[in-house]
Amino acid sequence: MAPQALAMMNSEFTLAQAEQFAARIRKQNAESPVEMAWQIAFGRSPSAVEQRTAEDYVRRNSLARLCLLIFNMNEFIYVD
């Protein structure tokens, strides 16, 4: 599983898709980019903890990096 996660995090294709996802979110001019990302990716709002954690992550990194992180979350990859 670790090689797959590393491939997803470092793939040029995945990085490009994360940039496109971030651009889509920015284009929406949403009040909360984190809320918009969760709605698009998971079809739900983030929990309060997810919201705070993601907003802090975006402040320290970028929206595109958050999108890449979302692409690597179990909830995004696997259907329950």
PDB file of N, CA and C in Angstrom:
ATOM      1  N   MET A   1       0.807  -1.200   0.000  1.00  0.00           N
ATOM      2  CA  MET A   1       0.000   0.000   0.000  1.00  0.00           C
ATOM      3  C   MET A   1       0.853   1.267   0.000  1.00  0.00           C
ATOM      4  N   ALA A   2       1.985   1.238   0.701  1.00  0.00           N
ATOM      5  CA  ALA A   2       2.846   2.419   0.762  1.00  0.00           C
ATOM      6  C   ALA A   2       3.324   2.863  -0.620  1.00  0.00           C
ATOM      7  N   PRO A   3       3.754   1.932  -1.497  1.00  0.00           N
ATOM      8  CA  PRO A   3       4.167   2.391  -2.835  1.00  0.00           C
ATOM      9  C   PRO A   3       3.035   3.083  -3.602  1.00  0.00           C
ATOM     10  N   GLN A   4       1.796   2.618  -3.423  1.00  0.00           N
ATOM     11  CA  GLN A   4       0.675   3.249  -4.103  1.00  0.00           C
ATOM     12  C   GLN A   4       0.460   4.668  -3.582  1.00  0.00           C
ATOM     13  N   ALA A   5       0.541   4.841  -2.270  1.00  0.00           N
ATOM     14  CA  ALA A   5       0.358   6.171  -1.687  1.00  0.00           C
ATOM     15  C   ALA A   5       1.450   7.120  -2.166  1.00  0.00           C
ATOM     16  N   LEU A   6       2.675   6.642  -2.209  1.00  0.00           N
ATOM     17  CA  LEU A   6       3.775   7.479  -2.693  1.00  0.00           C
ATOM     18  C   LEU A   6       3.591   7.827  -4.160  1.00  0.00           C
ATOM     19  N   ALA A   7       3.115   6.880  -4.935  1.00  0.00           N
ATOM     20  CA  ALA A   7       2.865   7.141  -6.350  1.00  0.00           C
ATOM     21  C   ALA A   7       1.786   8.210  -6.518  1.00  0.00           C
ATOM     22  N   MET A   8       0.737   8.134  -5.727  1.00  0.00           N
ATOM     23  CA  MET A   8      -0.341   9.123  -5.801  1.00  0.00           C
ATOM     24  C   MET A   8       0.147  10.509  -5.376  1.00  0.00           C
ATOM     25  N   MET A   9       0.983  10.570  -4.364  1.00  0.00           N
ATOM     26  CA  MET A   9       1.463  11.856  -3.856  1.00  0.00           C
ATOM     27  C   MET A   9       2.483  12.501  -4.802  1.00  0.00           C
ATOM     28  N   ASN A  10       3.206  11.681  -5.562  1.00  0.00           N
ATOM     29  CA  ASN A  10       4.304  12.201  -6.376  1.00  0.00           C
ATOM     30  C   ASN A  10       4.056  12.140  -7.879  1.00  0.00           C
ATOM     31  N   SER A  11       2.932  11.628  -8.295  1.00  0.00           N
ATOM     32  CA  SER A  11       2.623  11.499  -9.713  1.00  0.00           C
ATOM     33  C   SER A  11       2.401  12.873 -10.347  1.00  0.00           C
ATOM     34  N   GLU A  12       3.046  13.098 -11.482  1.00  0.00           N
ATOM     35  CA  GLU A  12       2.843  14.356 -12.205  1.00  0.00           C
ATOM     36  C   GLU A  12       1.377  14.524 -12.598  1.00  0.00           C
ATOM     37  N   PHE A  13       0.739  13.431 -12.990  1.00  0.00           N
ATOM     38  CA  PHE A  13      -0.676  13.481 -13.358  1.00  0.00           C
ATOM     39  C   PHE A  13      -1.524  13.910 -12.163  1.00  0.00           C
ATOM     40  N   THR A  14      -1.291  13.285 -11.005  1.00  0.00           N
ATOM     41  CA  THR A  14      -2.080  13.610  -9.816  1.00  0.00           C
ATOM     42  C   THR A  14      -1.831  15.045  -9.379  1.00  0.00           C
ATOM     43  N   LEU A  15      -0.588  15.480  -9.447  1.00  0.00           N
ATOM     44  CA  LEU A  15      -0.275  16.873  -9.097  1.00  0.00           C
ATOM     45  C   LEU A  15      -0.997  17.845 -10.026  1.00  0.00           C
ATOM     46  N   ALA A  16      -1.021  17.531 -11.310  1.00  0.00           N
ATOM     47  CA  ALA A  16      -1.715  18.386 -12.277  1.00  0.00           C
ATOM     48  C   ALA A  16      -3.217  18.409 -12.005  1.00  0.00           C
ATOM     49  N   GLN A  17      -3.780  17.253 -11.659  1.00  0.00           N
ATOM     50  CA  GLN A  17      -5.212  17.198 -11.357  1.00  0.00           C
ATOM     51  C   GLN A  17      -5.538  17.986 -10.087  1.00  0.00           C
ATOM     52  N   ALA A  18      -4.644  17.948  -9.108  1.00  0.00           N
ATOM     53  CA  ALA A  18      -4.841  18.719  -7.876  1.00  0.00           C
ATOM     54  C   ALA A  18      -4.832  20.215  -8.192  1.00  0.00           C
ATOM     55  N   GLU A  19      -3.953  20.641  -9.075  1.00  0.00           N
ATOM     56  CA  GLU A  19      -3.923  22.047  -9.497  1.00  0.00           C
ATOM     57  C   GLU A  19      -5.229  22.433 -10.189  1.00  0.00           C
ATOM     58  N   GLN A  20      -5.738  21.545 -11.049  1.00  0.00           N
ATOM     59  CA  GLN A  20      -7.006  21.802 -11.741  1.00  0.00           C
ATOM     60  C   GLN A  20      -8.177  21.867 -10.759  1.00  0.00           C
ATOM     61  N   PHE A  21      -8.169  20.968  -9.781  1.00  0.00           N
ATOM     62  CA  PHE A  21      -9.219  20.959  -8.761  1.00  0.00           C
ATOM     63  C   PHE A  21      -9.186  22.263  -7.968  1.00  0.00           C
ATOM     64  N   ALA A  22      -7.986  22.700  -7.578  1.00  0.00           N
ATOM     65  CA  ALA A  22      -7.841  23.961  -6.845  1.00  0.00           C
ATOM     66  C   ALA A  22      -8.329  25.137  -7.687  1.00  0.00           C
ATOM     67  N   ALA A  23      -8.008  25.134  -8.965  1.00  0.00           N
ATOM     68  CA  ALA A  23      -8.462  26.204  -9.864  1.00  0.00           C
ATOM     69  C   ALA A  23      -9.988  26.213  -9.954  1.00  0.00           C
ATOM     70  N   ARG A  24     -10.584  25.039 -10.014  1.00  0.00           N
ATOM     71  CA  ARG A  24     -12.054  24.945 -10.060  1.00  0.00           C
ATOM     72  C   ARG A  24     -12.666  25.533  -8.794  1.00  0.00           C
ATOM     73  N   ILE A  25     -12.075  25.234  -7.658  1.00  0.00           N
ATOM     74  CA  ILE A  25     -12.587  25.749  -6.383  1.00  0.00           C
ATOM     75  C   ILE A  25     -12.426  27.269  -6.329  1.00  0.00           C
ATOM     76  N   ARG A  26     -11.257  27.769  -6.727  1.00  0.00           N
ATOM     77  CA  ARG A  26     -11.031  29.215  -6.726  1.00  0.00           C
ATOM     78  C   ARG A  26     -12.020  29.933  -7.646  1.00  0.00           C
ATOM     79  N   LYS A  27     -12.308  29.323  -8.792  1.00  0.00           N
ATOM     80  CA  LYS A  27     -13.223  29.910  -9.769  1.00  0.00           C
ATOM     81  C   LYS A  27     -14.634  30.066  -9.198  1.00  0.00           C
ATOM     82  N   GLN A  28     -15.002  29.198  -8.282  1.00  0.00           N
ATOM     83  CA  GLN A  28     -16.329  29.254  -7.662  1.00  0.00           C
ATOM     84  C   GLN A  28     -16.475  30.441  -6.710  1.00  0.00           C
ATOM     85  N   ASN A  29     -15.343  31.053  -6.304  1.00  0.00           N
ATOM     86  CA  ASN A  29     -15.360  32.165  -5.343  1.00  0.00           C
ATOM     87  C   ASN A  29     -16.164  31.822  -4.098  1.00  0.00           C
ATOM     88  N   ALA A  30     -16.007  30.610  -3.633  1.00  0.00           N
ATOM     89  CA  ALA A  30     -16.733  30.157  -2.452  1.00  0.00           C
ATOM     90  C   ALA A  30     -16.230  30.891  -1.214  1.00  0.00           C
ATOM     91  N   GLU A  31     -17.131  31.115  -0.286  1.00  0.00           N
ATOM     92  CA  GLU A  31     -16.748  31.735   0.978  1.00  0.00           C
ATOM     93  C   GLU A  31     -15.719  30.869   1.702  1.00  0.00           C
ATOM     94  N   SER A  32     -15.885  29.552   1.605  1.00  0.00           N
ATOM     95  CA  SER A  32     -14.948  28.619   2.225  1.00  0.00           C
ATOM     96  C   SER A  32     -14.456  27.624   1.174  1.00  0.00           C
ATOM     97  N   PRO A  33     -13.233  27.791   0.701  1.00  0.00           N
ATOM     98  CA  PRO A  33     -12.687  26.825  -0.259  1.00  0.00           C
ATOM     99  C   PRO A  33     -12.655  25.403   0.298  1.00  0.00           C
ATOM    100  N   VAL A  34     -12.425  25.266   1.602  1.00  0.00           N
ATOM    101  CA  VAL A  34     -12.399  23.934   2.215  1.00  0.00           C
ATOM    102  C   VAL A  34     -13.779  23.300   2.125  1.00  0.00           C
ATOM    103  N   GLU A  35     -14.804  24.042   2.441  1.00  0.00           N
ATOM    104  CA  GLU A  35     -16.182  23.545   2.344  1.00  0.00           C
ATOM    105  C   GLU A  35     -16.483  23.112   0.910  1.00  0.00           C
ATOM    106  N   MET A  36     -16.100  23.937  -0.055  1.00  0.00           N
ATOM    107  CA  MET A  36     -16.341  23.623  -1.467  1.00  0.00           C
ATOM    108  C   MET A  36     -15.600  22.350  -1.865  1.00  0.00           C
ATOM    109  N   ALA A  37     -14.355  22.224  -1.447  1.00  0.00           N
ATOM    110  CA  ALA A  37     -13.568  21.031  -1.784  1.00  0.00           C
ATOM    111  C   ALA A  37     -14.227  19.778  -1.227  1.00  0.00           C
ATOM    112  N   TRP A  38     -14.677  19.837   0.018  1.00  0.00           N
ATOM    113  CA  TRP A  38     -15.327  18.668   0.625  1.00  0.00           C
ATOM    114  C   TRP A  38     -16.629  18.338  -0.085  1.00  0.00           C
ATOM    115  N   GLN A  39     -17.392  19.357  -0.439  1.00  0.00           N
ATOM    116  CA  GLN A  39     -18.662  19.118  -1.127  1.00  0.00           C
ATOM    117  C   GLN A  39     -18.433  18.436  -2.474  1.00  0.00           C
ATOM    118  N   ILE A  40     -17.445  18.914  -3.218  1.00  0.00           N
ATOM    119  CA  ILE A  40     -17.175  18.334  -4.533  1.00  0.00           C
ATOM    120  C   ILE A  40     -16.597  16.924  -4.403  1.00  0.00           C
ATOM    121  N   ALA A  41     -15.624  16.758  -3.521  1.00  0.00           N
ATOM    122  CA  ALA A  41     -14.919  15.477  -3.419  1.00  0.00           C
ATOM    123  C   ALA A  41     -15.724  14.398  -2.711  1.00  0.00           C
ATOM    124  N   PHE A  42     -16.430  14.782  -1.643  1.00  0.00           N
ATOM    125  CA  PHE A  42     -17.084  13.775  -0.805  1.00  0.00           C
ATOM    126  C   PHE A  42     -18.603  13.881  -0.774  1.00  0.00           C
ATOM    127  N   GLY A  43     -19.149  14.943  -1.327  1.00  0.00           N
ATOM    128  CA  GLY A  43     -20.595  15.117  -1.313  1.00  0.00           C
ATOM    129  C   GLY A  43     -21.139  15.423   0.064  1.00  0.00           C
ATOM    130  N   ARG A  44     -20.301  16.018   0.915  1.00  0.00           N
ATOM    131  CA  ARG A  44     -20.720  16.369   2.265  1.00  0.00           C
ATOM    132  C   ARG A  44     -19.874  17.538   2.753  1.00  0.00           C
ATOM    133  N   SER A  45     -20.327  18.146   3.829  1.00  0.00           N
ATOM    134  CA  SER A  45     -19.546  19.204   4.465  1.00  0.00           C
ATOM    135  C   SER A  45     -18.491  18.589   5.364  1.00  0.00           C
ATOM    136  N   PRO A  46     -17.386  19.291   5.567  1.00  0.00           N
ATOM    137  CA  PRO A  46     -16.387  18.775   6.506  1.00  0.00           C
ATOM    138  C   PRO A  46     -16.881  18.921   7.935  1.00  0.00           C
ATOM    139  N   SER A  47     -16.437  18.029   8.800  1.00  0.00           N
ATOM    140  CA  SER A  47     -16.742  18.187  10.223  1.00  0.00           C
ATOM    141  C   SER A  47     -15.994  19.420  10.725  1.00  0.00           C
ATOM    142  N   ALA A  48     -16.320  19.871  11.914  1.00  0.00           N
ATOM    143  CA  ALA A  48     -15.645  21.042  12.478  1.00  0.00           C
ATOM    144  C   ALA A  48     -14.139  20.797  12.583  1.00  0.00           C
ATOM    145  N   VAL A  49     -13.761  19.609  12.996  1.00  0.00           N
ATOM    146  CA  VAL A  49     -12.335  19.279  13.120  1.00  0.00           C
ATOM    147  C   VAL A  49     -11.678  19.242  11.747  1.00  0.00           C
ATOM    148  N   GLU A  50     -12.335  18.614  10.774  1.00  0.00           N
ATOM    149  CA  GLU A  50     -11.787  18.572   9.411  1.00  0.00           C
ATOM    150  C   GLU A  50     -11.638  19.986   8.857  1.00  0.00           C
ATOM    151  N   GLN A  51     -12.632  20.827   9.095  1.00  0.00           N
ATOM    152  CA  GLN A  51     -12.611  22.209   8.602  1.00  0.00           C
ATOM    153  C   GLN A  51     -11.403  22.959   9.169  1.00  0.00           C
ATOM    154  N   ARG A  52     -11.235  22.915  10.490  1.00  0.00           N
ATOM    155  CA  ARG A  52     -10.120  23.620  11.122  1.00  0.00           C
ATOM    156  C   ARG A  52      -8.772  23.078  10.652  1.00  0.00           C
ATOM    157  N   THR A  53      -8.658  21.762  10.607  1.00  0.00           N
ATOM    158  CA  THR A  53      -7.402  21.130  10.198  1.00  0.00           C
ATOM    159  C   THR A  53      -7.063  21.492   8.756  1.00  0.00           C
ATOM    160  N   ALA A  54      -8.055  21.430   7.872  1.00  0.00           N
ATOM    161  CA  ALA A  54      -7.829  21.736   6.455  1.00  0.00           C
ATOM    162  C   ALA A  54      -7.495  23.213   6.250  1.00  0.00           C
ATOM    163  N   GLU A  55      -8.185  24.100   6.952  1.00  0.00           N
ATOM    164  CA  GLU A  55      -7.883  25.529   6.818  1.00  0.00           C
ATOM    165  C   GLU A  55      -6.462  25.828   7.283  1.00  0.00           C
ATOM    166  N   ASP A  56      -6.044  25.201   8.381  1.00  0.00           N
ATOM    167  CA  ASP A  56      -4.675  25.367   8.862  1.00  0.00           C
ATOM    168  C   ASP A  56      -3.684  24.832   7.827  1.00  0.00           C
ATOM    169  N   TYR A  57      -4.008  23.691   7.234  1.00  0.00           N
ATOM    170  CA  TYR A  57      -3.142  23.090   6.205  1.00  0.00           C
ATOM    171  C   TYR A  57      -2.995  24.032   5.014  1.00  0.00           C
ATOM    172  N   VAL A  58      -4.098  24.630   4.577  1.00  0.00           N
ATOM    173  CA  VAL A  58      -4.048  25.553   3.430  1.00  0.00           C
ATOM    174  C   VAL A  58      -3.200  26.777   3.774  1.00  0.00           C
ATOM    175  N   ARG A  59      -3.324  27.284   4.994  1.00  0.00           N
ATOM    176  CA  ARG A  59      -2.511  28.438   5.403  1.00  0.00           C
ATOM    177  C   ARG A  59      -1.019  28.113   5.355  1.00  0.00           C
ATOM    178  N   ARG A  60      -0.661  26.893   5.743  1.00  0.00           N
ATOM    179  CA  ARG A  60       0.748  26.494   5.778  1.00  0.00           C
ATOM    180  C   ARG A  60       1.257  26.020   4.417  1.00  0.00           C
ATOM    181  N   ASN A  61       0.383  25.578   3.551  1.00  0.00           N
ATOM    182  CA  ASN A  61       0.781  25.021   2.250  1.00  0.00           C
ATOM    183  C   ASN A  61       0.080  25.775   1.133  1.00  0.00           C
ATOM    184  N   SER A  62      -0.902  25.155   0.515  1.00  0.00           N
ATOM    185  CA  SER A  62      -1.682  25.801  -0.547  1.00  0.00           C
ATOM    186  C   SER A  62      -2.964  25.010  -0.754  1.00  0.00           C
ATOM    187  N   LEU A  63      -3.892  25.616  -1.461  1.00  0.00           N
ATOM    188  CA  LEU A  63      -5.137  24.917  -1.779  1.00  0.00           C
ATOM    189  C   LEU A  63      -4.855  23.708  -2.665  1.00  0.00           C
ATOM    190  N   ALA A  64      -3.924  23.834  -3.584  1.00  0.00           N
ATOM    191  CA  ALA A  64      -3.586  22.698  -4.459  1.00  0.00           C
ATOM    192  C   ALA A  64      -3.027  21.527  -3.649  1.00  0.00           C
ATOM    193  N   ARG A  65      -2.228  21.814  -2.643  1.00  0.00           N
ATOM    194  CA  ARG A  65      -1.691  20.746  -1.790  1.00  0.00           C
ATOM    195  C   ARG A  65      -2.822  20.088  -1.003  1.00  0.00           C
ATOM    196  N   LEU A  66      -3.809  20.872  -0.564  1.00  0.00           N
ATOM    197  CA  LEU A  66      -4.965  20.278   0.120  1.00  0.00           C
ATOM    198  C   LEU A  66      -5.717  19.366  -0.845  1.00  0.00           C
ATOM    199  N   CYS A  67      -5.872  19.795  -2.082  1.00  0.00           N
ATOM    200  CA  CYS A  67      -6.560  18.970  -3.079  1.00  0.00           C
ATOM    201  C   CYS A  67      -5.817  17.660  -3.294  1.00  0.00           C
ATOM    202  N   LEU A  68      -4.501  17.717  -3.334  1.00  0.00           N
ATOM    203  CA  LEU A  68      -3.702  16.503  -3.459  1.00  0.00           C
ATOM    204  C   LEU A  68      -3.917  15.599  -2.249  1.00  0.00           C
ATOM    205  N   LEU A  69      -3.952  16.194  -1.079  1.00  0.00           N
ATOM    206  CA  LEU A  69      -4.207  15.426   0.141  1.00  0.00           C
ATOM    207  C   LEU A  69      -5.586  14.756   0.066  1.00  0.00           C
ATOM    208  N   ILE A  70      -6.588  15.493  -0.396  1.00  0.00           N
ATOM    209  CA  ILE A  70      -7.942  14.941  -0.532  1.00  0.00           C
ATOM    210  C   ILE A  70      -7.933  13.744  -1.478  1.00  0.00           C
ATOM    211  N   PHE A  71      -7.209  13.847  -2.589  1.00  0.00           N
ATOM    212  CA  PHE A  71      -7.132  12.737  -3.540  1.00  0.00           C
ATOM    213  C   PHE A  71      -6.553  11.478  -2.902  1.00  0.00           C
ATOM    214  N   ASN A  72      -5.801  11.641  -1.834  1.00  0.00           N
ATOM    215  CA  ASN A  72      -5.147  10.509  -1.174  1.00  0.00           C
ATOM    216  C   ASN A  72      -5.884  10.032   0.070  1.00  0.00           C
ATOM    217  N   MET A  73      -7.012  10.631   0.378  1.00  0.00           N
ATOM    218  CA  MET A  73      -7.792  10.203   1.548  1.00  0.00           C
ATOM    219  C   MET A  73      -8.563   8.923   1.221  1.00  0.00           C
ATOM    220  N   ASN A  74      -8.646   8.034   2.186  1.00  0.00           N
ATOM    221  CA  ASN A  74      -9.384   6.782   1.997  1.00  0.00           C
ATOM    222  C   ASN A  74     -10.808   7.019   1.527  1.00  0.00           C
ATOM    223  N   GLU A  75     -11.454   8.026   2.062  1.00  0.00           N
ATOM    224  CA  GLU A  75     -12.841   8.322   1.703  1.00  0.00           C
ATOM    225  C   GLU A  75     -12.971   8.678   0.218  1.00  0.00           C
ATOM    226  N   PHE A  76     -11.924   9.231  -0.367  1.00  0.00           N
ATOM    227  CA  PHE A  76     -11.945   9.579  -1.780  1.00  0.00           C
ATOM    228  C   PHE A  76     -11.618   8.380  -2.654  1.00  0.00           C
ATOM    229  N   ILE A  77     -10.694   7.554  -2.191  1.00  0.00           N
ATOM    230  CA  ILE A  77     -10.205   6.430  -3.004  1.00  0.00           C
ATOM    231  C   ILE A  77     -11.131   5.232  -2.978  1.00  0.00           C
ATOM    232  N   TYR A  78     -11.672   4.921  -1.798  1.00  0.00           N
ATOM    233  CA  TYR A  78     -12.461   3.696  -1.637  1.00  0.00           C
ATOM    234  C   TYR A  78     -13.938   4.001  -1.440  1.00  0.00           C
ATOM    235  N   VAL A  79     -14.780   3.195  -2.063  1.00  0.00           N
ATOM    236  CA  VAL A  79     -16.221   3.301  -1.895  1.00  0.00           C
ATOM    237  C   VAL A  79     -16.629   2.404  -0.743  1.00  0.00           C
ATOM    238  N   ASP A  80     -17.372   2.969   0.170  1.00  0.00           N
ATOM    239  CA  ASP A  80     -17.825   2.195   1.336  1.00  0.00           C
ATOM    240  C   ASP A  80     -19.072   1.404   1.016  1.00  0.00           C
TER     241      ASP A  80
END
